[in-house]
C-alpha atoms as a PDB file:
ATOM      1  CA  UNK A   1      47.157  54.958 -35.904  1.00  0.00           C
ATOM      2  CA  UNK A   2      45.405  57.046 -38.577  1.00  0.00           C
ATOM      3  CA  UNK A   3      43.258  54.037 -39.457  1.00  0.00           C
ATOM      4  CA  UNK A   4      42.328  53.566 -35.786  1.00  0.00           C
ATOM      5  CA  UNK A   5      41.498  57.232 -35.393  1.00  0.00           C
ATOM      6  CA  UNK A   6      39.295  57.106 -38.475  1.00  0.00           C
ATOM      7  CA  UNK A   7      37.584  53.985 -37.182  1.00  0.00           C
ATOM      8  CA  UNK A   8      36.974  55.619 -33.813  1.00  0.00           C
ATOM      9  CA  UNK A   9      35.472  58.659 -35.496  1.00  0.00           C
ATOM     10  CA  UNK A  10      33.163  56.467 -37.548  1.00  0.00           C
ATOM     11  CA  UNK A  11      32.118  54.537 -34.439  1.00  0.00           C
ATOM     12  CA  UNK A  12      31.415  57.788 -32.582  1.00  0.00           C
ATOM     13  CA  UNK A  13      29.419  59.071 -35.538  1.00  0.00           C
ATOM     14  CA  UNK A  14      27.370  55.865 -35.688  1.00  0.00           C
ATOM     15  CA  UNK A  15      26.756  56.029 -31.944  1.00  0.00           C
ATOM     16  CA  UNK A  16      25.721  59.686 -32.193  1.00  0.00           C
ATOM     17  CA  UNK A  17      23.357  59.067 -35.099  1.00  0.00           C
ATOM     18  CA  UNK A  18      21.929  55.988 -33.388  1.00  0.00           C
ATOM     19  CA  UNK A  19      21.349  57.917 -30.189  1.00  0.00           C
ATOM     20  CA  UNK A  20      19.711  60.762 -32.072  1.00  0.00           C
ATOM     21  CA  UNK A  21      17.388  58.345 -33.872  1.00  0.00           C
ATOM     22  CA  UNK A  22      16.488  56.696 -30.567  1.00  0.00           C
ATOM     23  CA  UNK A  23      15.639  60.070 -29.024  1.00  0.00           C
ATOM     24  CA  UNK A  24      13.538  60.992 -32.050  1.00  0.00           C
ATOM     25  CA  UNK A  25      11.679  57.682 -31.877  1.00  0.00           C
ATOM     26  CA  UNK A  26      10.992  58.132 -28.167  1.00  0.00           C
ATOM     27  CA  UNK A  27       9.809  61.688 -28.777  1.00  0.00           C
ATOM     28  CA  UNK A  28       7.638  60.537 -31.668  1.00  0.00           C
ATOM     29  CA  UNK A  29       6.058  57.807 -29.536  1.00  0.00           C
ATOM     30  CA  UNK A  30       5.425  60.253 -26.720  1.00  0.00           C
ATOM     31  CA  UNK A  31       3.775  62.669 -29.115  1.00  0.00           C
ATOM     32  CA  UNK A  32       1.712  59.849 -30.626  1.00  0.00           C
ATOM     33  CA  UNK A  33       0.660  58.712 -27.170  1.00  0.00           C
ATOM     34  CA  UNK A  34      -0.336  62.185 -25.956  1.00  0.00           C
ATOM     35  CA  UNK A  35      -1.300  64.556 -28.790  1.00  0.00           C
ATOM     36  CA  UNK A  36      -1.835  67.964 -27.191  1.00  0.00           C
ATOM     37  CA  UNK A  37      -3.044  66.474 -23.892  1.00  0.00           C
ATOM     38  CA  UNK A  38      -2.179  68.771 -21.026  1.00  0.00           C
ATOM     39  CA  UNK A  39      -5.371  68.826 -18.991  1.00  0.00           C
ATOM     40  CA  UNK A  40      -8.229  66.533 -18.041  1.00  0.00           C
ATOM     41  CA  UNK A  41     -10.531  68.474 -20.385  1.00  0.00           C
ATOM     42  CA  UNK A  42      -8.105  67.830 -23.262  1.00  0.00           C
ATOM     43  CA  UNK A  43      -8.246  64.097 -22.628  1.00  0.00           C
ATOM     44  CA  UNK A  44     -12.009  63.991 -22.127  1.00  0.00           C
ATOM     45  CA  UNK A  45     -12.669  65.863 -25.377  1.00  0.00           C
ATOM     46  CA  UNK A  46     -10.601  63.330 -27.322  1.00  0.00           C
ATOM     47  CA  UNK A  47     -12.171  60.367 -25.528  1.00  0.00           C
ATOM     48  CA  UNK A  48     -15.713  61.642 -26.184  1.00  0.00           C
ATOM     49  CA  UNK A  49     -14.899  62.216 -29.858  1.00  0.00           C
ATOM     50  CA  UNK A  50     -13.421  58.729 -30.248  1.00  0.00           C
ATOM     51  CA  UNK A  51     -16.401  57.207 -28.416  1.00  0.00           C
ATOM     52  CA  UNK A  52     -18.911  58.721 -30.819  1.00  0.00           C
ATOM     53  CA  UNK A  53     -19.270  62.372 -29.826  1.00  0.00           C
ATOM     54  CA  UNK A  54     -21.194  64.021 -27.001  1.00  0.00           C
ATOM     55  CA  UNK A  55     -23.460  66.057 -29.255  1.00  0.00           C
ATOM     56  CA  UNK A  56     -24.477  62.927 -31.165  1.00  0.00           C
ATOM     57  CA  UNK A  57     -24.992  61.063 -27.891  1.00  0.00           C
ATOM     58  CA  UNK A  58     -27.206  63.825 -26.513  1.00  0.00           C
ATOM     59  CA  UNK A  59     -29.343  63.593 -29.650  1.00  0.00           C
ATOM     60  CA  UNK A  60     -30.061  59.882 -29.167  1.00  0.00           C
ATOM     61  CA  UNK A  61     -33.799  59.332 -28.741  1.00  0.00           C
ATOM     62  CA  UNK A  62     -33.660  55.809 -27.334  1.00  0.00           C
ATOM     63  CA  UNK A  63     -31.237  53.025 -26.370  1.00  0.00           C
ATOM     64  CA  UNK A  64     -32.039  49.417 -25.588  1.00  0.00           C
ATOM     65  CA  UNK A  65     -29.799  46.421 -24.864  1.00  0.00           C
ATOM     66  CA  UNK A  66     -29.574  43.077 -23.098  1.00  0.00           C
ATOM     67  CA  UNK A  67     -27.351  42.715 -20.041  1.00  0.00           C
ATOM     68  CA  UNK A  68     -26.398  39.223 -18.841  1.00  0.00           C
ATOM     69  CA  UNK A  69     -24.369  39.008 -15.653  1.00  0.00           C
ATOM     70  CA  UNK A  70     -23.293  36.982 -12.644  1.00  0.00           C
ATOM     71  CA  UNK A  71     -22.556  38.377  -9.202  1.00  0.00           C
ATOM     72  CA  UNK A  72     -20.244  36.277  -7.025  1.00  0.00           C
ATOM     73  CA  UNK A  73     -19.745  36.009  -3.301  1.00  0.00           C
ATOM     74  CA  UNK A  74     -16.238  36.200  -1.860  1.00  0.00           C
ATOM     75  CA  UNK A  75     -16.071  32.370  -1.713  1.00  0.00           C
ATOM     76  CA  UNK A  76     -16.892  32.129  -5.439  1.00  0.00           C
ATOM     77  CA  UNK A  77     -20.525  31.048  -5.100  1.00  0.00           C
ATOM     78  CA  UNK A  78     -23.026  32.708  -7.435  1.00  0.00           C
ATOM     79  CA  UNK A  79     -25.140  35.370  -5.732  1.00  0.00           C
ATOM     80  CA  UNK A  80     -27.112  36.448  -8.809  1.00  0.00           C
ATOM     81  CA  UNK A  81     -27.437  34.935 -12.301  1.00  0.00           C
ATOM     82  CA  UNK A  82     -29.606  37.267 -14.339  1.00  0.00           C
ATOM     83  CA  UNK A  83     -30.504  38.534 -17.805  1.00  0.00           C
ATOM     84  CA  UNK A  84     -31.901  42.069 -17.869  1.00  0.00           C
ATOM     85  CA  UNK A  85     -33.541  43.989 -20.691  1.00  0.00           C
ATOM     86  CA  UNK A  86     -32.826  47.719 -20.538  1.00  0.00           C
ATOM     87  CA  UNK A  87     -34.886  50.266 -22.450  1.00  0.00           C
ATOM     88  CA  UNK A  88     -34.283  54.016 -22.197  1.00  0.00           C
ATOM     89  CA  UNK A  89     -36.415  56.473 -24.152  1.00  0.00           C
ATOM     90  CA  UNK A  90     -35.576  60.190 -24.093  1.00  0.00           C
ATOM     91  CA  UNK A  91     -37.658  61.339 -27.070  1.00  0.00           C
ATOM     92  CA  UNK A  92     -40.431  62.990 -25.034  1.00  0.00           C
ATOM     93  CA  UNK A  93     -40.488  62.702 -21.265  1.00  0.00           C
ATOM     94  CA  UNK A  94     -37.919  60.375 -19.743  1.00  0.00           C
ATOM     95  CA  UNK A  95     -39.096  56.768 -19.918  1.00  0.00           C
ATOM     96  CA  UNK A  96     -36.829  54.046 -18.572  1.00  0.00           C
ATOM     97  CA  UNK A  97     -37.361  50.392 -17.759  1.00  0.00           C
ATOM     98  CA  UNK A  98     -35.333  47.383 -16.626  1.00  0.00           C
ATOM     99  CA  UNK A  99     -36.975  43.964 -16.661  1.00  0.00           C
ATOM    100  CA  UNK A 100     -35.853  40.449 -15.724  1.00  0.00           C
ATOM    101  CA  UNK A 101     -37.126  37.053 -14.600  1.00  0.00           C
ATOM    102  CA  UNK A 102     -36.378  35.245 -11.340  1.00  0.00           C
ATOM    103  CA  UNK A 103     -37.906  31.804 -11.579  1.00  0.00           C
ATOM    104  CA  UNK A 104     -41.523  32.280 -12.598  1.00  0.00           C
ATOM    105  CA  UNK A 105     -41.623  35.867 -11.438  1.00  0.00           C
ATOM    106  CA  UNK A 106     -41.146  38.794 -13.815  1.00  0.00           C
ATOM    107  CA  UNK A 107     -39.697  41.955 -12.299  1.00  0.00           C
ATOM    108  CA  UNK A 108     -39.789  45.350 -13.946  1.00  0.00           C
ATOM    109  CA  UNK A 109     -38.590  48.770 -12.839  1.00  0.00           C
ATOM    110  CA  UNK A 110     -40.539  51.461 -14.667  1.00  0.00           C
ATOM    111  CA  UNK A 111     -40.059  55.213 -14.851  1.00  0.00           C
ATOM    112  CA  UNK A 112     -42.490  57.510 -16.665  1.00  0.00           C
ATOM    113  CA  UNK A 113     -41.440  61.080 -16.022  1.00  0.00           C
ATOM    114  CA  UNK A 114     -41.541  61.511 -12.247  1.00  0.00           C
ATOM    115  CA  UNK A 115     -43.553  58.319 -11.741  1.00  0.00           C
ATOM    116  CA  UNK A 116     -41.273  55.472 -10.617  1.00  0.00           C
ATOM    117  CA  UNK A 117     -42.205  51.999  -9.383  1.00  0.00           C
ATOM    118  CA  UNK A 118     -41.431  48.274  -9.561  1.00  0.00           C
ATOM    119  CA  UNK A 119     -43.795  45.473 -10.477  1.00  0.00           C
ATOM    120  CA  UNK A 120     -43.711  41.706  -9.909  1.00  0.00           C
ATOM    121  CA  UNK A 121     -45.777  39.842 -12.499  1.00  0.00           C
ATOM    122  CA  UNK A 122     -47.323  43.228 -13.385  1.00  0.00           C
ATOM    123  CA  UNK A 123     -48.457  43.824  -9.792  1.00  0.00           C
ATOM    124  CA  UNK A 124     -46.983  46.880  -7.972  1.00  0.00           C
ATOM    125  CA  UNK A 125     -44.264  45.951  -5.468  1.00  0.00           C
ATOM    126  CA  UNK A 126     -44.517  48.098  -2.338  1.00  0.00           C
ATOM    127  CA  UNK A 127     -41.568  46.475  -0.531  1.00  0.00           C
ATOM    128  CA  UNK A 128     -38.875  48.499  -2.319  1.00  0.00           C
ATOM    129  CA  UNK A 129     -38.386  52.235  -1.874  1.00  0.00           C
ATOM    130  CA  UNK A 130     -38.440  54.814  -4.635  1.00  0.00           C
ATOM    131  CA  UNK A 131     -34.939  55.927  -3.620  1.00  0.00           C
ATOM    132  CA  UNK A 132     -33.574  52.409  -4.145  1.00  0.00           C
ATOM    133  CA  UNK A 133     -35.199  52.231  -7.579  1.00  0.00           C
ATOM    134  CA  UNK A 134     -33.882  55.678  -8.498  1.00  0.00           C
ATOM    135  CA  UNK A 135     -30.347  54.703  -7.446  1.00  0.00           C
ATOM    136  CA  UNK A 136     -30.435  51.557  -9.578  1.00  0.00           C
ATOM    137  CA  UNK A 137     -31.656  53.408 -12.659  1.00  0.00           C
ATOM    138  CA  UNK A 138     -29.217  56.285 -12.181  1.00  0.00           C
ATOM    139  CA  UNK A 139     -26.260  53.913 -11.717  1.00  0.00           C
ATOM    140  CA  UNK A 140     -27.192  52.012 -14.869  1.00  0.00           C
ATOM    141  CA  UNK A 141     -27.554  55.114 -17.040  1.00  0.00           C
ATOM    142  CA  UNK A 142     -24.413  56.730 -15.585  1.00  0.00           C
ATOM    143  CA  UNK A 143     -22.172  53.811 -16.579  1.00  0.00           C
ATOM    144  CA  UNK A 144     -23.935  53.437 -19.928  1.00  0.00           C
ATOM    145  CA  UNK A 145     -23.311  57.118 -20.633  1.00  0.00           C
ATOM    146  CA  UNK A 146     -19.581  57.074 -19.907  1.00  0.00           C
ATOM    147  CA  UNK A 147     -17.535  59.042 -20.922  1.00  0.00           C
ATOM    148  CA  UNK A 148     -20.194  61.686 -21.632  1.00  0.00           C
ATOM    149  CA  UNK A 149     -21.564  61.642 -18.080  1.00  0.00           C
ATOM    150  CA  UNK A 150     -18.138  62.790 -16.885  1.00  0.00           C
ATOM    151  CA  UNK A 151     -18.568  66.088 -18.730  1.00  0.00           C
ATOM    152  CA  UNK A 152     -20.695  67.718 -16.067  1.00  0.00           C
ATOM    153  CA  UNK A 153     -20.699  70.955 -14.088  1.00  0.00           C
ATOM    154  CA  UNK A 154     -20.763  68.837 -10.925  1.00  0.00           C
ATOM    155  CA  UNK A 155     -17.563  66.947 -11.813  1.00  0.00           C
ATOM    156  CA  UNK A 156     -13.960  67.740 -10.912  1.00  0.00           C
ATOM    157  CA  UNK A 157     -11.441  66.133 -13.270  1.00  0.00           C
ATOM    158  CA  UNK A 158      -7.684  65.627 -12.973  1.00  0.00           C
ATOM    159  CA  UNK A 159      -5.391  64.201 -15.666  1.00  0.00           C
ATOM    160  CA  UNK A 160      -2.595  62.073 -14.182  1.00  0.00           C
ATOM    161  CA  UNK A 161      -0.720  61.346 -17.424  1.00  0.00           C
ATOM    162  CA  UNK A 162       0.287  57.843 -18.472  1.00  0.00           C
ATOM    163  CA  UNK A 163      -0.037  55.404 -15.572  1.00  0.00           C
ATOM    164  CA  UNK A 164       0.016  51.634 -15.184  1.00  0.00           C
ATOM    165  CA  UNK A 165      -3.219  49.755 -15.817  1.00  0.00           C
ATOM    166  CA  UNK A 166      -3.146  45.969 -15.863  1.00  0.00           C
ATOM    167  CA  UNK A 167       0.550  45.883 -16.749  1.00  0.00           C
ATOM    168  CA  UNK A 168       0.472  48.500 -19.519  1.00  0.00           C
ATOM    169  CA  UNK A 169       0.555  52.282 -19.780  1.00  0.00           C
ATOM    170  CA  UNK A 170      -2.743  54.127 -20.069  1.00  0.00           C
ATOM    171  CA  UNK A 171      -4.072  57.667 -19.810  1.00  0.00           C
ATOM    172  CA  UNK A 172      -5.497  58.112 -16.328  1.00  0.00           C
ATOM    173  CA  UNK A 173      -8.412  60.432 -15.624  1.00  0.00           C
ATOM    174  CA  UNK A 174      -9.555  60.915 -12.000  1.00  0.00           C
ATOM    175  CA  UNK A 175     -13.078  62.256 -11.498  1.00  0.00           C
ATOM    176  CA  UNK A 176     -15.120  63.199  -8.426  1.00  0.00           C
ATOM    177  CA  UNK A 177     -18.613  64.667  -8.211  1.00  0.00           C
ATOM    178  CA  UNK A 178     -20.160  67.275  -5.956  1.00  0.00           C
ATOM    179  CA  UNK A 179     -22.160  65.611  -3.198  1.00  0.00           C
ATOM    180  CA  UNK A 180     -20.502  62.214  -3.682  1.00  0.00           C
ATOM    181  CA  UNK A 181     -17.499  60.638  -1.956  1.00  0.00           C
ATOM    182  CA  UNK A 182     -16.863  58.231  -4.836  1.00  0.00           C
ATOM    183  CA  UNK A 183     -13.531  58.615  -6.649  1.00  0.00           C
ATOM    184  CA  UNK A 184     -13.412  57.377 -10.243  1.00  0.00           C
ATOM    185  CA  UNK A 185     -10.113  56.545 -11.953  1.00  0.00           C
ATOM    186  CA  UNK A 186     -10.677  55.845 -15.651  1.00  0.00           C
ATOM    187  CA  UNK A 187      -8.066  54.457 -18.032  1.00  0.00           C
ATOM    188  CA  UNK A 188      -7.703  54.873 -21.801  1.00  0.00           C
ATOM    189  CA  UNK A 189      -5.338  53.305 -24.324  1.00  0.00           C
ATOM    190  CA  UNK A 190      -2.449  55.712 -25.102  1.00  0.00           C
ATOM    191  CA  UNK A 191      -2.895  55.970 -28.881  1.00  0.00           C
ATOM    192  CA  UNK A 192      -6.431  54.829 -29.753  1.00  0.00           C
ATOM    193  CA  UNK A 193      -8.031  56.220 -26.553  1.00  0.00           C
ATOM    194  CA  UNK A 194     -10.137  53.086 -26.245  1.00  0.00           C
ATOM    195  CA  UNK A 195     -11.720  52.785 -22.808  1.00  0.00           C
ATOM    196  CA  UNK A 196      -9.801  50.059 -20.949  1.00  0.00           C
ATOM    197  CA  UNK A 197     -11.663  50.159 -17.647  1.00  0.00           C
ATOM    198  CA  UNK A 198     -11.864  51.961 -14.338  1.00  0.00           C
ATOM    199  CA  UNK A 199     -11.186  51.705 -10.624  1.00  0.00           C
ATOM    200  CA  UNK A 200     -13.718  53.292  -8.260  1.00  0.00           C
ATOM    201  CA  UNK A 201     -13.450  54.005  -4.558  1.00  0.00           C
ATOM    202  CA  UNK A 202     -16.865  54.123  -2.875  1.00  0.00           C
ATOM    203  CA  UNK A 203     -17.823  54.683   0.747  1.00  0.00           C
ATOM    204  CA  UNK A 204     -17.594  50.974   1.597  1.00  0.00           C
ATOM    205  CA  UNK A 205     -15.513  49.181  -1.062  1.00  0.00           C
ATOM    206  CA  UNK A 206     -13.110  49.389  -4.009  1.00  0.00           C
ATOM    207  CA  UNK A 207     -13.961  47.995  -7.448  1.00  0.00           C
ATOM    208  CA  UNK A 208     -11.766  47.347 -10.469  1.00  0.00           C
ATOM    209  CA  UNK A 209     -13.712  47.004 -13.726  1.00  0.00           C
ATOM    210  CA  UNK A 210     -12.000  45.830 -16.913  1.00  0.00           C
ATOM    211  CA  UNK A 211     -13.472  46.225 -20.389  1.00  0.00           C
ATOM    212  CA  UNK A 212     -12.487  42.910 -21.950  1.00  0.00           C
ATOM    213  CA  UNK A 213     -14.232  43.683 -25.227  1.00  0.00           C
ATOM    214  CA  UNK A 214     -15.844  46.744 -26.788  1.00  0.00           C
ATOM    215  CA  UNK A 215     -18.371  46.953 -29.612  1.00  0.00           C
ATOM    216  CA  UNK A 216     -19.299  49.702 -32.061  1.00  0.00           C
ATOM    217  CA  UNK A 217     -22.947  50.562 -32.686  1.00  0.00           C
ATOM    218  CA  UNK A 218     -23.826  53.372 -35.119  1.00  0.00           C
ATOM    219  CA  UNK A 219     -20.429  54.953 -34.527  1.00  0.00           C
ATOM    220  CA  UNK A 220     -20.640  54.722 -30.716  1.00  0.00           C
ATOM    221  CA  UNK A 221     -18.316  52.618 -28.561  1.00  0.00           C
ATOM    222  CA  UNK A 222     -20.018  50.476 -25.911  1.00  0.00           C
ATOM    223  CA  UNK A 223     -18.862  47.724 -23.582  1.00  0.00           C
ATOM    224  CA  UNK A 224     -19.402  44.204 -24.903  1.00  0.00           C
ATOM    225  CA  UNK A 225     -17.809  42.151 -22.123  1.00  0.00           C
ATOM    226  CA  UNK A 226     -16.391  43.281 -18.794  1.00  0.00           C
ATOM    227  CA  UNK A 227     -15.311  41.843 -15.456  1.00  0.00           C
ATOM    228  CA  UNK A 228     -15.386  43.411 -12.013  1.00  0.00           C
ATOM    229  CA  UNK A 229     -13.141  42.668  -9.033  1.00  0.00           C
ATOM    230  CA  UNK A 230     -13.251  43.780  -5.432  1.00  0.00           C
ATOM    231  CA  UNK A 231      -9.852  45.154  -4.443  1.00  0.00           C
ATOM    232  CA  UNK A 232      -8.127  46.686  -1.473  1.00  0.00           C
ATOM    233  CA  UNK A 233      -7.020  50.330  -1.284  1.00  0.00           C
ATOM    234  CA  UNK A 234      -3.840  49.467  -3.233  1.00  0.00           C
ATOM    235  CA  UNK A 235      -5.854  47.989  -6.142  1.00  0.00           C
ATOM    236  CA  UNK A 236      -4.804  44.442  -5.239  1.00  0.00           C
ATOM    237  CA  UNK A 237      -7.552  42.059  -6.342  1.00  0.00           C
ATOM    238  CA  UNK A 238      -9.414  40.249  -3.573  1.00  0.00           C
ATOM    239  CA  UNK A 239     -11.995  38.289  -5.564  1.00  0.00           C
ATOM    240  CA  UNK A 240     -14.062  38.251  -8.752  1.00  0.00           C
ATOM    241  CA  UNK A 241     -17.238  40.181  -8.029  1.00  0.00           C
ATOM    242  CA  UNK A 242     -19.029  40.064 -11.383  1.00  0.00           C
ATOM    243  CA  UNK A 243     -18.869  39.357 -15.085  1.00  0.00           C
ATOM    244  CA  UNK A 244     -21.054  41.119 -17.634  1.00  0.00           C
ATOM    245  CA  UNK A 245     -22.093  40.454 -21.216  1.00  0.00           C
ATOM    246  CA  UNK A 246     -23.893  43.182 -23.177  1.00  0.00           C
ATOM    247  CA  UNK A 247     -25.655  42.523 -26.476  1.00  0.00           C
ATOM    248  CA  UNK A 248     -28.496  43.578 -28.795  1.00  0.00           C
ATOM    249  CA  UNK A 249     -27.728  47.284 -28.612  1.00  0.00           C
ATOM    250  CA  UNK A 250     -30.307  49.298 -30.519  1.00  0.00           C
ATOM    251  CA  UNK A 251     -30.084  53.063 -30.973  1.00  0.00           C
ATOM    252  CA  UNK A 252     -32.533  55.519 -32.482  1.00  0.00           C
END
């Protein structure tokens, strides 16, 4: 009986120690996954630091890169197959340009300060509005500038903790902007804070964008390859909308 009692005590001790270790490991993992993150600003500060730093990003004089992409219709047919060259210069007045070829025709969107226009084979194109050109340029620079473009007086940010993203846990940051109905849900890896992708609700559709591969350029993290899906309101994929390949990043 004494032997059995001693054995029981040892078993209880082992179980207690094992349970304590398990709790400590869980606590350690939780701390590792969320160091001092209580608010959306906490998360964004860490994400911006990991991505290269907002102050350094604001001091960039110019960025250029090549963007190759396909847009697909719902039935899988290719809507657009294009290679664009993007060039953004912020050293003096804002100068931005996006150029591409369609057959024998060269298109270019050009901004020089407040002057904004599109050309086809170097001839001004009067069929497209300035608002449409402005929206295209702004959308391109907004996504390029993530996460720094989230740190704005016009943004409202909410941290939703660790949530599911593509079958794994990720930090979730929800952002809206004054004057816009779009709702951005951005996801970051729990420990490295790498940008995994985002889900955006616009006025007429839902898009899920996954960063399949990132690249580092001069200490900054940029997308290398990504895919985009149209989804329903529950984030269920409906069809592949686009795939993107970014290369030849150059920063000054």
